[in-house]
Amino acid sequence: LARKVEWLSERVQDLMRELLRLQWMPSAVPRSALQADLLAGVREKAV
């Protein structure tokens, strides 16, 4: 379990770095693509 926790901590750090990279470089993913991905999950659902 300690080895797994260490691996998960490294994974969280990698994901945090990726999140920061995406936040600081918003031009990497167009906003319309983000909106399309978010709204695609709404199809045929009650909100």
All heavy atoms as atom14 arrays in JSON, in Angstrom:
{
  "sequence": "LARKVEWLSERVQDLMRELLRLQWMPSAVPRSALQADLLAGVREKAV",
  "atom14_mask": [
    [1, 1, 1, 1, 1, 1, 1, 1, 0, 0, 0, 0, 0, 0],
    [1, 1, 1, 1, 1, 0, 0, 0, 0, 0, 0, 0, 0, 0],
    [1, 1, 1, 1, 1, 1, 1, 1, 1, 1, 1, 0, 0, 0],
    [1, 1, 1, 1, 1, 1, 1, 1, 1, 0, 0, 0, 0, 0],
    [1, 1, 1, 1, 1, 1, 1, 0, 0, 0, 0, 0, 0, 0],
    [1, 1, 1, 1, 1, 1, 1, 1, 1, 0, 0, 0, 0, 0],
    [1, 1, 1, 1, 1, 1, 1, 1, 1, 1, 1, 1, 1, 1],
    [1, 1, 1, 1, 1, 1, 1, 1, 0, 0, 0, 0, 0, 0],
    [1, 1, 1, 1, 1, 1, 0, 0, 0, 0, 0, 0, 0, 0],
    [1, 1, 1, 1, 1, 1, 1, 1, 1, 0, 0, 0, 0, 0],
    [1, 1, 1, 1, 1, 1, 1, 1, 1, 1, 1, 0, 0, 0],
    [1, 1, 1, 1, 1, 1, 1, 0, 0, 0, 0, 0, 0, 0],
    [1, 1, 1, 1, 1, 1, 1, 1, 1, 0, 0, 0, 0, 0],
    [1, 1, 1, 1, 1, 1, 1, 1, 0, 0, 0, 0, 0, 0],
    [1, 1, 1, 1, 1, 1, 1, 1, 0, 0, 0, 0, 0, 0],
    [1, 1, 1, 1, 1, 1, 1, 1, 0, 0, 0, 0, 0, 0],
    [1, 1, 1, 1, 1, 1, 1, 1, 1, 1, 1, 0, 0, 0],
    [1, 1, 1, 1, 1, 1, 1, 1, 1, 0, 0, 0, 0, 0],
    [1, 1, 1, 1, 1, 1, 1, 1, 0, 0, 0, 0, 0, 0],
    [1, 1, 1, 1, 1, 1, 1, 1, 0, 0, 0, 0, 0, 0],
    [1, 1, 1, 1, 1, 1, 1, 1, 1, 1, 1, 0, 0, 0],
    [1, 1, 1, 1, 1, 1, 1, 1, 0, 0, 0, 0, 0, 0],
    [1, 1, 1, 1, 1, 1, 1, 1, 1, 0, 0, 0, 0, 0],
    [1, 1, 1, 1, 1, 1, 1, 1, 1, 1, 1, 1, 1, 1],
    [1, 1, 1, 1, 1, 1, 1, 1, 0, 0, 0, 0, 0, 0],
    [1, 1, 1, 1, 1, 1, 1, 0, 0, 0, 0, 0, 0, 0],
    [1, 1, 1, 1, 1, 1, 0, 0, 0, 0, 0, 0, 0, 0],
    [1, 1, 1, 1, 1, 0, 0, 0, 0, 0, 0, 0, 0, 0],
    [1, 1, 1, 1, 1, 1, 1, 0, 0, 0, 0, 0, 0, 0],
    [1, 1, 1, 1, 1, 1, 1, 0, 0, 0, 0, 0, 0, 0],
    [1, 1, 1, 1, 1, 1, 1, 1, 1, 1, 1, 0, 0, 0],
    [1, 1, 1, 1, 1, 1, 0, 0, 0, 0, 0, 0, 0, 0],
    [1, 1, 1, 1, 1, 0, 0, 0, 0, 0, 0, 0, 0, 0],
    [1, 1, 1, 1, 1, 1, 1, 1, 0, 0, 0, 0, 0, 0],
    [1, 1, 1, 1, 1, 1, 1, 1, 1, 0, 0, 0, 0, 0],
    [1, 1, 1, 1, 1, 0, 0, 0, 0, 0, 0, 0, 0, 0],
    [1, 1, 1, 1, 1, 1, 1, 1, 0, 0, 0, 0, 0, 0],
    [1, 1, 1, 1, 1, 1, 1, 1, 0, 0, 0, 0, 0, 0],
    [1, 1, 1, 1, 1, 1, 1, 1, 0, 0, 0, 0, 0, 0],
    [1, 1, 1, 1, 1, 0, 0, 0, 0, 0, 0, 0, 0, 0],
    [1, 1, 1, 1, 0, 0, 0, 0, 0, 0, 0, 0, 0, 0],
    [1, 1, 1, 1, 1, 1, 1, 0, 0, 0, 0, 0, 0, 0],
    [1, 1, 1, 1, 1, 1, 1, 1, 1, 1, 1, 0, 0, 0],
    [1, 1, 1, 1, 1, 1, 1, 1, 1, 0, 0, 0, 0, 0],
    [1, 1, 1, 1, 1, 1, 1, 1, 1, 0, 0, 0, 0, 0],
    [1, 1, 1, 1, 1, 0, 0, 0, 0, 0, 0, 0, 0, 0],
    [1, 1, 1, 1, 1, 1, 1, 0, 0, 0, 0, 0, 0, 0]
  ],
  "atom14_positions": [
    [[0.82, -1.21, 0.0], [0.0, 0.0, 0.0], [0.86, 1.26, 0.0], [0.52, 2.26, -0.64], [-0.95, -0.01, 1.2], [-2.09, -1.01, 1.13], [-2.87, -1.02, 2.43], [-3.0, -0.73, -0.03], [0.0, 0.0, 0.0], [0.0, 0.0, 0.0], [0.0, 0.0, 0.0], [0.0, 0.0, 0.0], [0.0, 0.0, 0.0], [0.0, 0.0, 0.0]],
    [[1.97, 1.24, 0.71], [2.88, 2.39, 0.73], [3.44, 2.65, -0.67], [3.54, 3.81, -1.1], [4.01, 2.17, 1.72], [0.0, 0.0, 0.0], [0.0, 0.0, 0.0], [0.0, 0.0, 0.0], [0.0, 0.0, 0.0], [0.0, 0.0, 0.0], [0.0, 0.0, 0.0], [0.0, 0.0, 0.0], [0.0, 0.0, 0.0], [0.0, 0.0, 0.0]],
    [[3.78, 1.58, -1.38], [4.27, 1.75, -2.76], [3.17, 2.33, -3.64], [3.41, 3.19, -4.48], [4.77, 0.42, -3.32], [6.12, -0.01, -2.75], [6.7, -1.19, -3.5], [5.85, -2.38, -3.48], [5.87, -3.32, -2.54], [6.72, -3.21, -1.53], [5.07, -4.36, -2.6], [0.0, 0.0, 0.0], [0.0, 0.0, 0.0], [0.0, 0.0, 0.0]],
    [[1.94, 1.86, -3.45], [0.81, 2.36, -4.24], [0.55, 3.84, -3.94], [0.28, 4.63, -4.84], [-0.44, 1.53, -3.97], [-1.63, 1.96, -4.77], [-2.38, 0.81, -5.28], [-3.52, 1.31, -6.13], [-3.69, 0.55, -7.3], [0.0, 0.0, 0.0], [0.0, 0.0, 0.0], [0.0, 0.0, 0.0], [0.0, 0.0, 0.0], [0.0, 0.0, 0.0]],
    [[0.62, 4.22, -2.67], [0.43, 5.62, -2.28], [1.5, 6.49, -2.93], [1.22, 7.58, -3.42], [0.44, 5.78, -0.74], [0.61, 7.22, -0.32], [-0.82, 5.19, -0.15], [0.0, 0.0, 0.0], [0.0, 0.0, 0.0], [0.0, 0.0, 0.0], [0.0, 0.0, 0.0], [0.0, 0.0, 0.0], [0.0, 0.0, 0.0], [0.0, 0.0, 0.0]],
    [[2.72, 6.01, -2.94], [3.8, 6.77, -3.58], [3.53, 6.94, -5.06], [3.69, 8.03, -5.6], [5.13, 6.03, -3.36], [6.32, 6.8, -3.85], [7.62, 6.06, -3.55], [7.7, 5.38, -2.52], [8.54, 6.18, -4.38], [0.0, 0.0, 0.0], [0.0, 0.0, 0.0], [0.0, 0.0, 0.0], [0.0, 0.0, 0.0], [0.0, 0.0, 0.0]],
    [[3.07, 5.88, -5.72], [2.76, 5.96, -7.15], [1.61, 6.94, -7.38], [1.65, 7.75, -8.31], [2.4, 4.57, -7.68], [2.03, 4.6, -9.13], [2.88, 4.6, -10.19], [0.7, 4.66, -9.67], [2.16, 4.64, -11.36], [0.82, 4.69, -11.07], [-0.57, 4.69, -9.11], [-0.28, 4.75, -11.92], [-1.66, 4.75, -9.95], [-1.52, 4.78, -11.33]],
    [[0.57, 6.87, -6.54], [-0.57, 7.78, -6.69], [-0.17, 9.23, -6.44], [-0.67, 10.14, -7.12], [-1.7, 7.36, -5.74], [-2.44, 6.09, -6.11], [-3.4, 5.69, -4.99], [-3.18, 6.24, -7.42], [0.0, 0.0, 0.0], [0.0, 0.0, 0.0], [0.0, 0.0, 0.0], [0.0, 0.0, 0.0], [0.0, 0.0, 0.0], [0.0, 0.0, 0.0]],
    [[0.73, 9.47, -5.51], [1.21, 10.83, -5.25], [1.93, 11.38, -6.48], [1.73, 12.54, -6.86], [2.16, 10.85, -4.06], [1.48, 10.49, -2.9], [0.0, 0.0, 0.0], [0.0, 0.0, 0.0], [0.0, 0.0, 0.0], [0.0, 0.0, 0.0], [0.0, 0.0, 0.0], [0.0, 0.0, 0.0], [0.0, 0.0, 0.0], [0.0, 0.0, 0.0]],
    [[2.73, 10.56, -7.1], [3.41, 10.98, -8.32], [2.4, 11.27, -9.43], [2.54, 12.24, -10.17], [4.4, 9.91, -8.78], [5.6, 9.77, -7.87], [6.48, 8.59, -8.24], [6.25, 7.97, -9.3], [7.4, 8.29, -7.46], [0.0, 0.0, 0.0], [0.0, 0.0, 0.0], [0.0, 0.0, 0.0], [0.0, 0.0, 0.0], [0.0, 0.0, 0.0]],
    [[1.35, 10.44, -9.52], [0.31, 10.64, -10.55], [-0.44, 11.95, -10.31], [-0.72, 12.69, -11.24], [-0.65, 9.45, -10.51], [-1.77, 9.54, -11.48], [-1.32, 9.24, -12.89], [-2.47, 9.23, -13.76], [-2.55, 9.91, -14.89], [-1.51, 10.59, -15.31], [-3.62, 9.89, -15.6], [0.0, 0.0, 0.0], [0.0, 0.0, 0.0], [0.0, 0.0, 0.0]],
    [[-0.76, 12.24, -9.04], [-1.44, 13.49, -8.71], [-0.57, 14.68, -9.09], [-1.05, 15.67, -9.66], [-1.82, 13.53, -7.21], [-2.2, 14.93, -6.76], [-2.95, 12.57, -6.92], [0.0, 0.0, 0.0], [0.0, 0.0, 0.0], [0.0, 0.0, 0.0], [0.0, 0.0, 0.0], [0.0, 0.0, 0.0], [0.0, 0.0, 0.0], [0.0, 0.0, 0.0]],
    [[0.72, 14.59, -8.79], [1.64, 15.68, -9.15], [1.68, 15.88, -10.66], [1.68, 17.01, -11.15], [3.05, 15.4, -8.61], [3.14, 15.48, -7.11], [2.8, 16.87, -6.58], [3.15, 17.87, -7.17], [2.08, 16.9, -5.48], [0.0, 0.0, 0.0], [0.0, 0.0, 0.0], [0.0, 0.0, 0.0], [0.0, 0.0, 0.0], [0.0, 0.0, 0.0]],
    [[1.71, 14.78, -11.41], [1.71, 14.88, -12.88], [0.43, 15.55, -13.38], [0.47, 16.42, -14.25], [1.84, 13.49, -13.52], [3.21, 12.88, -13.32], [4.16, 13.62, -12.98], [3.33, 11.64, -13.5], [0.0, 0.0, 0.0], [0.0, 0.0, 0.0], [0.0, 0.0, 0.0], [0.0, 0.0, 0.0], [0.0, 0.0, 0.0], [0.0, 0.0, 0.0]],
    [[-0.7, 15.16, -12.8], [-1.97, 15.76, -13.21], [-2.05, 17.24, -12.83], [-2.59, 18.05, -13.59], [-3.14, 14.99, -12.6], [-3.34, 13.58, -13.17], [-4.4, 12.84, -12.36], [-3.71, 13.62, -14.63], [0.0, 0.0, 0.0], [0.0, 0.0, 0.0], [0.0, 0.0, 0.0], [0.0, 0.0, 0.0], [0.0, 0.0, 0.0], [0.0, 0.0, 0.0]],
    [[-1.51, 17.6, -11.66], [-1.5, 19.01, -11.26], [-0.64, 19.83, -12.21], [-1.0, 20.95, -12.57], [-0.99, 19.14, -9.82], [-1.92, 18.52, -8.78], [-3.49, 19.36, -8.67], [-3.0, 20.81, -7.79], [0.0, 0.0, 0.0], [0.0, 0.0, 0.0], [0.0, 0.0, 0.0], [0.0, 0.0, 0.0], [0.0, 0.0, 0.0], [0.0, 0.0, 0.0]],
    [[0.51, 19.27, -12.59], [1.36, 19.98, -13.55], [0.64, 20.16, -14.88], [0.7, 21.23, -15.49], [2.68, 19.23, -13.75], [3.69, 19.49, -12.65], [5.06, 18.97, -13.01], [5.15, 17.52, -12.91], [5.38, 16.87, -11.79], [5.57, 17.53, -10.67], [5.43, 15.55, -11.78], [0.0, 0.0, 0.0], [0.0, 0.0, 0.0], [0.0, 0.0, 0.0]],
    [[-0.07, 19.14, -15.32], [-0.82, 19.23, -16.58], [-1.92, 20.27, -16.47], [-2.15, 21.06, -17.39], [-1.4, 17.86, -16.93], [-2.18, 17.83, -18.21], [-1.33, 18.01, -19.44], [-0.09, 17.86, -19.35], [-1.9, 18.31, -20.51], [0.0, 0.0, 0.0], [0.0, 0.0, 0.0], [0.0, 0.0, 0.0], [0.0, 0.0, 0.0], [0.0, 0.0, 0.0]],
    [[-2.61, 20.31, -15.33], [-3.65, 21.31, -15.11], [-3.08, 22.72, -15.16], [-3.63, 23.61, -15.8], [-4.35, 21.06, -13.78], [-5.42, 22.07, -13.37], [-6.58, 22.04, -14.35], [-5.89, 21.79, -11.97], [0.0, 0.0, 0.0], [0.0, 0.0, 0.0], [0.0, 0.0, 0.0], [0.0, 0.0, 0.0], [0.0, 0.0, 0.0], [0.0, 0.0, 0.0]],
    [[-1.98, 22.93, -14.47], [-1.34, 24.25, -14.5], [-0.9, 24.62, -15.91], [-1.04, 25.77, -16.33], [-0.14, 24.28, -13.56], [-0.48, 24.41, -12.08], [0.78, 24.27, -11.24], [-1.14, 25.74, -11.79], [0.0, 0.0, 0.0], [0.0, 0.0, 0.0], [0.0, 0.0, 0.0], [0.0, 0.0, 0.0], [0.0, 0.0, 0.0], [0.0, 0.0, 0.0]],
    [[-0.39, 23.66, -16.63], [0.04, 23.93, -18.0], [-1.15, 24.37, -18.85], [-1.08, 25.34, -19.59], [0.69, 22.69, -18.63], [1.28, 22.96, -20.01], [1.82, 21.7, -20.64], [0.79, 20.73, -20.97], [-0.04, 20.83, -22.03], [0.08, 21.84, -22.85], [-0.94, 19.91, -22.27], [0.0, 0.0, 0.0], [0.0, 0.0, 0.0], [0.0, 0.0, 0.0]],
    [[-2.29, 23.68, -18.69], [-3.48, 24.05, -19.45], [-4.04, 25.4, -19.03], [-4.56, 26.15, -19.84], [-4.54, 22.96, -19.32], [-4.24, 21.66, -20.05], [-5.29, 20.61, -19.72], [-4.15, 21.87, -21.54], [0.0, 0.0, 0.0], [0.0, 0.0, 0.0], [0.0, 0.0, 0.0], [0.0, 0.0, 0.0], [0.0, 0.0, 0.0], [0.0, 0.0, 0.0]],
    [[-3.92, 25.72, -17.74], [-4.42, 27.01, -17.27], [-3.57, 28.16, -17.77], [-4.07, 29.23, -18.07], [-4.46, 27.04, -15.75], [-5.59, 26.24, -15.17], [-5.56, 26.21, -13.66], [-4.55, 26.52, -13.03], [-6.67, 25.81, -13.06], [0.0, 0.0, 0.0], [0.0, 0.0, 0.0], [0.0, 0.0, 0.0], [0.0, 0.0, 0.0], [0.0, 0.0, 0.0]],
    [[-2.27, 27.94, -17.85], [-1.39, 29.01, -18.3], [-1.3, 29.12, -19.8], [-0.85, 30.12, -20.33], [0.01, 28.83, -17.7], [0.02, 29.17, -16.26], [0.02, 28.31, -15.22], [-0.02, 30.48, -15.68], [-0.02, 28.99, -14.03], [-0.04, 30.33, -14.29], [-0.06, 31.77, -16.21], [-0.08, 31.41, -13.43], [-0.09, 32.84, -15.34], [-0.1, 32.65, -13.97]],
    [[-1.72, 28.09, -20.51], [-1.71, 28.13, -21.97], [-3.11, 27.83, -22.49], [-3.37, 26.76, -23.02], [-0.7, 27.13, -22.53], [0.71, 27.45, -22.13], [1.98, 26.53, -22.98], [1.5, 24.84, -22.81], [0.0, 0.0, 0.0], [0.0, 0.0, 0.0], [0.0, 0.0, 0.0], [0.0, 0.0, 0.0], [0.0, 0.0, 0.0], [0.0, 0.0, 0.0]],
    [[-4.05, 28.78, -22.33], [-5.42, 28.51, -22.75], [-5.57, 28.36, -24.25], [-6.54, 27.79, -24.71], [-6.2, 29.72, -22.23], [-5.19, 30.79, -22.08], [-3.88, 30.11, -21.78], [0.0, 0.0, 0.0], [0.0, 0.0, 0.0], [0.0, 0.0, 0.0], [0.0, 0.0, 0.0], [0.0, 0.0, 0.0], [0.0, 0.0, 0.0], [0.0, 0.0, 0.0]],
    [[-4.62, 28.85, -25.02], [-4.74, 28.73, -26.46], [-4.48, 27.31, -26.94], [-4.76, 26.98, -28.08], [-3.76, 29.68, -27.14], [-2.43, 29.34, -26.76], [0.0, 0.0, 0.0], [0.0, 0.0, 0.0], [0.0, 0.0, 0.0], [0.0, 0.0, 0.0], [0.0, 0.0, 0.0], [0.0, 0.0, 0.0], [0.0, 0.0, 0.0], [0.0, 0.0, 0.0]],
    [[-3.96, 26.43, -26.08], [-3.67, 25.05, -26.48], [-4.96, 24.3, -26.8], [-4.99, 23.46, -27.68], [-2.92, 24.33, -25.38], [0.0, 0.0, 0.0], [0.0, 0.0, 0.0], [0.0, 0.0, 0.0], [0.0, 0.0, 0.0], [0.0, 0.0, 0.0], [0.0, 0.0, 0.0], [0.0, 0.0, 0.0], [0.0, 0.0, 0.0], [0.0, 0.0, 0.0]],
    [[-6.06, 24.58, -26.08], [-7.34, 23.95, -26.35], [-8.36, 25.06, -26.57], [-8.61, 25.85, -25.67], [-7.78, 23.07, -25.15], [-9.13, 22.45, -25.4], [-6.73, 22.01, -24.88], [0.0, 0.0, 0.0], [0.0, 0.0, 0.0], [0.0, 0.0, 0.0], [0.0, 0.0, 0.0], [0.0, 0.0, 0.0], [0.0, 0.0, 0.0], [0.0, 0.0, 0.0]],
    [[-8.96, 25.14, -27.76], [-9.93, 26.21, -28.0], [-11.13, 26.09, -27.08], [-11.55, 24.99, -26.74], [-10.35, 25.99, -29.47], [-9.54, 24.86, -29.98], [-8.76, 24.27, -28.88], [0.0, 0.0, 0.0], [0.0, 0.0, 0.0], [0.0, 0.0, 0.0], [0.0, 0.0, 0.0], [0.0, 0.0, 0.0], [0.0, 0.0, 0.0], [0.0, 0.0, 0.0]],
    [[-11.65, 27.21, -26.66], [-12.76, 27.2, -25.72], [-13.99, 26.54, -26.31], [-14.75, 25.91, -25.63], [-13.09, 28.63, -25.33], [-13.32, 28.65, -23.85], [-13.48, 29.95, -23.29], [-12.59, 29.92, -22.16], [-12.64, 30.73, -21.17], [-13.51, 31.67, -21.16], [-11.83, 30.62, -20.18], [0.0, 0.0, 0.0], [0.0, 0.0, 0.0], [0.0, 0.0, 0.0]],
    [[-14.22, 26.7, -27.6], [-15.4, 26.08, -28.2], [-15.3, 24.56, -28.11], [-16.31, 23.88, -27.95], [-15.56, 26.52, -29.65], [-14.4, 26.17, -30.38], [0.0, 0.0, 0.0], [0.0, 0.0, 0.0], [0.0, 0.0, 0.0], [0.0, 0.0, 0.0], [0.0, 0.0, 0.0], [0.0, 0.0, 0.0], [0.0, 0.0, 0.0], [0.0, 0.0, 0.0]],
    [[-14.1, 24.0, -28.19], [-13.93, 22.55, -28.03], [-14.23, 22.13, -26.6], [-14.86, 21.1, -26.37], [-12.51, 22.14, -28.41], [0.0, 0.0, 0.0], [0.0, 0.0, 0.0], [0.0, 0.0, 0.0], [0.0, 0.0, 0.0], [0.0, 0.0, 0.0], [0.0, 0.0, 0.0], [0.0, 0.0, 0.0], [0.0, 0.0, 0.0], [0.0, 0.0, 0.0]],
    [[-13.78, 22.94, -25.63], [-14.1, 22.64, -24.22], [-15.6, 22.68, -24.0], [-16.16, 21.81, -23.34], [-13.42, 23.65, -23.31], [-11.93, 23.48, -23.07], [-11.41, 24.64, -22.25], [-11.65, 22.17, -22.38], [0.0, 0.0, 0.0], [0.0, 0.0, 0.0], [0.0, 0.0, 0.0], [0.0, 0.0, 0.0], [0.0, 0.0, 0.0], [0.0, 0.0, 0.0]],
    [[-16.24, 23.71, -24.54], [-17.67, 23.83, -24.35], [-18.39, 22.66, -25.01], [-19.33, 22.11, -24.44], [-18.19, 25.14, -24.95], [-19.68, 25.29, -24.76], [-20.26, 26.4, -25.58], [-19.56, 26.99, -26.39], [-21.52, 26.66, -25.39], [0.0, 0.0, 0.0], [0.0, 0.0, 0.0], [0.0, 0.0, 0.0], [0.0, 0.0, 0.0], [0.0, 0.0, 0.0]],
    [[-17.95, 22.24, -26.19], [-18.58, 21.12, -26.87], [-18.46, 19.85, -26.04], [-19.41, 19.08, -25.92], [-17.95, 20.92, -28.24], [0.0, 0.0, 0.0], [0.0, 0.0, 0.0], [0.0, 0.0, 0.0], [0.0, 0.0, 0.0], [0.0, 0.0, 0.0], [0.0, 0.0, 0.0], [0.0, 0.0, 0.0], [0.0, 0.0, 0.0], [0.0, 0.0, 0.0]],
    [[-17.29, 19.62, -25.44], [-17.1, 18.44, -24.59], [-18.01, 18.5, -23.37], [-18.6, 17.49, -22.99], [-15.65, 18.32, -24.13], [-14.73, 17.91, -25.25], [-15.24, 17.45, -26.3], [-13.5, 18.06, -25.09], [0.0, 0.0, 0.0], [0.0, 0.0, 0.0], [0.0, 0.0, 0.0], [0.0, 0.0, 0.0], [0.0, 0.0, 0.0], [0.0, 0.0, 0.0]],
    [[-18.12, 19.67, -22.74], [-18.96, 19.8, -21.55], [-20.42, 19.61, -21.88], [-21.15, 18.92, -21.17], [-18.75, 21.18, -20.91], [-17.4, 21.42, -20.26], [-17.3, 22.87, -19.82], [-17.2, 20.5, -19.09], [0.0, 0.0, 0.0], [0.0, 0.0, 0.0], [0.0, 0.0, 0.0], [0.0, 0.0, 0.0], [0.0, 0.0, 0.0], [0.0, 0.0, 0.0]],
    [[-20.87, 20.22, -22.96], [-22.28, 20.17, -23.29], [-22.68, 18.85, -23.93], [-23.85, 18.49, -23.94], [-22.66, 21.34, -24.2], [-22.55, 22.71, -23.53], [-22.91, 23.81, -24.51], [-23.42, 22.81, -22.3], [0.0, 0.0, 0.0], [0.0, 0.0, 0.0], [0.0, 0.0, 0.0], [0.0, 0.0, 0.0], [0.0, 0.0, 0.0], [0.0, 0.0, 0.0]],
    [[-21.71, 18.08, -24.45], [-22.04, 16.78, -25.02], [-22.59, 15.84, -23.96], [-23.43, 14.99, -24.23], [-20.81, 16.17, -25.69], [0.0, 0.0, 0.0], [0.0, 0.0, 0.0], [0.0, 0.0, 0.0], [0.0, 0.0, 0.0], [0.0, 0.0, 0.0], [0.0, 0.0, 0.0], [0.0, 0.0, 0.0], [0.0, 0.0, 0.0], [0.0, 0.0, 0.0]],
    [[-22.13, 15.99, -22.72], [-22.61, 15.15, -21.63], [-24.02, 15.51, -21.19], [-24.62, 14.78, -20.41], [0.0, 0.0, 0.0], [0.0, 0.0, 0.0], [0.0, 0.0, 0.0], [0.0, 0.0, 0.0], [0.0, 0.0, 0.0], [0.0, 0.0, 0.0], [0.0, 0.0, 0.0], [0.0, 0.0, 0.0], [0.0, 0.0, 0.0], [0.0, 0.0, 0.0]],
    [[-24.58, 16.61, -21.67], [-25.9, 17.07, -21.28], [-26.99, 16.51, -22.2], [-28.15, 16.5, -21.84], [-25.93, 18.62, -21.28], [-27.29, 19.17, -21.01], [-24.94, 19.16, -20.29], [0.0, 0.0, 0.0], [0.0, 0.0, 0.0], [0.0, 0.0, 0.0], [0.0, 0.0, 0.0], [0.0, 0.0, 0.0], [0.0, 0.0, 0.0], [0.0, 0.0, 0.0]],
    [[-26.59, 15.99, -23.34], [-27.56, 15.51, -24.33], [-28.53, 14.52, -23.69], [-28.13, 13.58, -23.02], [-26.84, 14.85, -25.5], [-27.72, 14.52, -26.67], [-26.93, 14.03, -27.87], [-25.7, 14.74, -28.16], [-25.61, 15.93, -28.75], [-26.71, 16.56, -29.1], [-24.45, 16.5, -28.98], [0.0, 0.0, 0.0], [0.0, 0.0, 0.0], [0.0, 0.0, 0.0]],
    [[-29.83, 14.76, -23.89], [-30.92, 13.93, -23.41], [-30.95, 13.77, -21.89], [-31.39, 12.76, -21.37], [-30.88, 12.55, -24.08], [-31.06, 12.61, -25.57], [-31.03, 11.24, -26.23], [-31.1, 10.24, -25.49], [-30.94, 11.2, -27.45], [0.0, 0.0, 0.0], [0.0, 0.0, 0.0], [0.0, 0.0, 0.0], [0.0, 0.0, 0.0], [0.0, 0.0, 0.0]],
    [[-30.47, 14.76, -21.16], [-30.52, 14.74, -19.7], [-31.27, 15.96, -19.21], [-31.3, 16.99, -19.86], [-29.11, 14.72, -19.11], [-28.4, 13.41, -19.36], [-27.13, 13.34, -18.6], [-26.46, 12.0, -18.86], [-25.18, 11.89, -18.24], [0.0, 0.0, 0.0], [0.0, 0.0, 0.0], [0.0, 0.0, 0.0], [0.0, 0.0, 0.0], [0.0, 0.0, 0.0]],
    [[-31.84, 15.84, -18.02], [-32.52, 16.95, -17.39], [-31.53, 17.7, -16.5], [-30.85, 17.09, -15.69], [-33.69, 16.45, -16.56], [0.0, 0.0, 0.0], [0.0, 0.0, 0.0], [0.0, 0.0, 0.0], [0.0, 0.0, 0.0], [0.0, 0.0, 0.0], [0.0, 0.0, 0.0], [0.0, 0.0, 0.0], [0.0, 0.0, 0.0], [0.0, 0.0, 0.0]],
    [[-31.45, 19.02, -16.71], [-30.52, 19.85, -15.95], [-31.33, 20.88, -15.17], [-32.08, 21.65, -15.74], [-29.51, 20.56, -16.87], [-28.58, 21.43, -16.07], [-28.74, 19.54, -17.69], [0.0, 0.0, 0.0], [0.0, 0.0, 0.0], [0.0, 0.0, 0.0], [0.0, 0.0, 0.0], [0.0, 0.0, 0.0], [0.0, 0.0, 0.0], [0.0, 0.0, 0.0]]
  ]
}
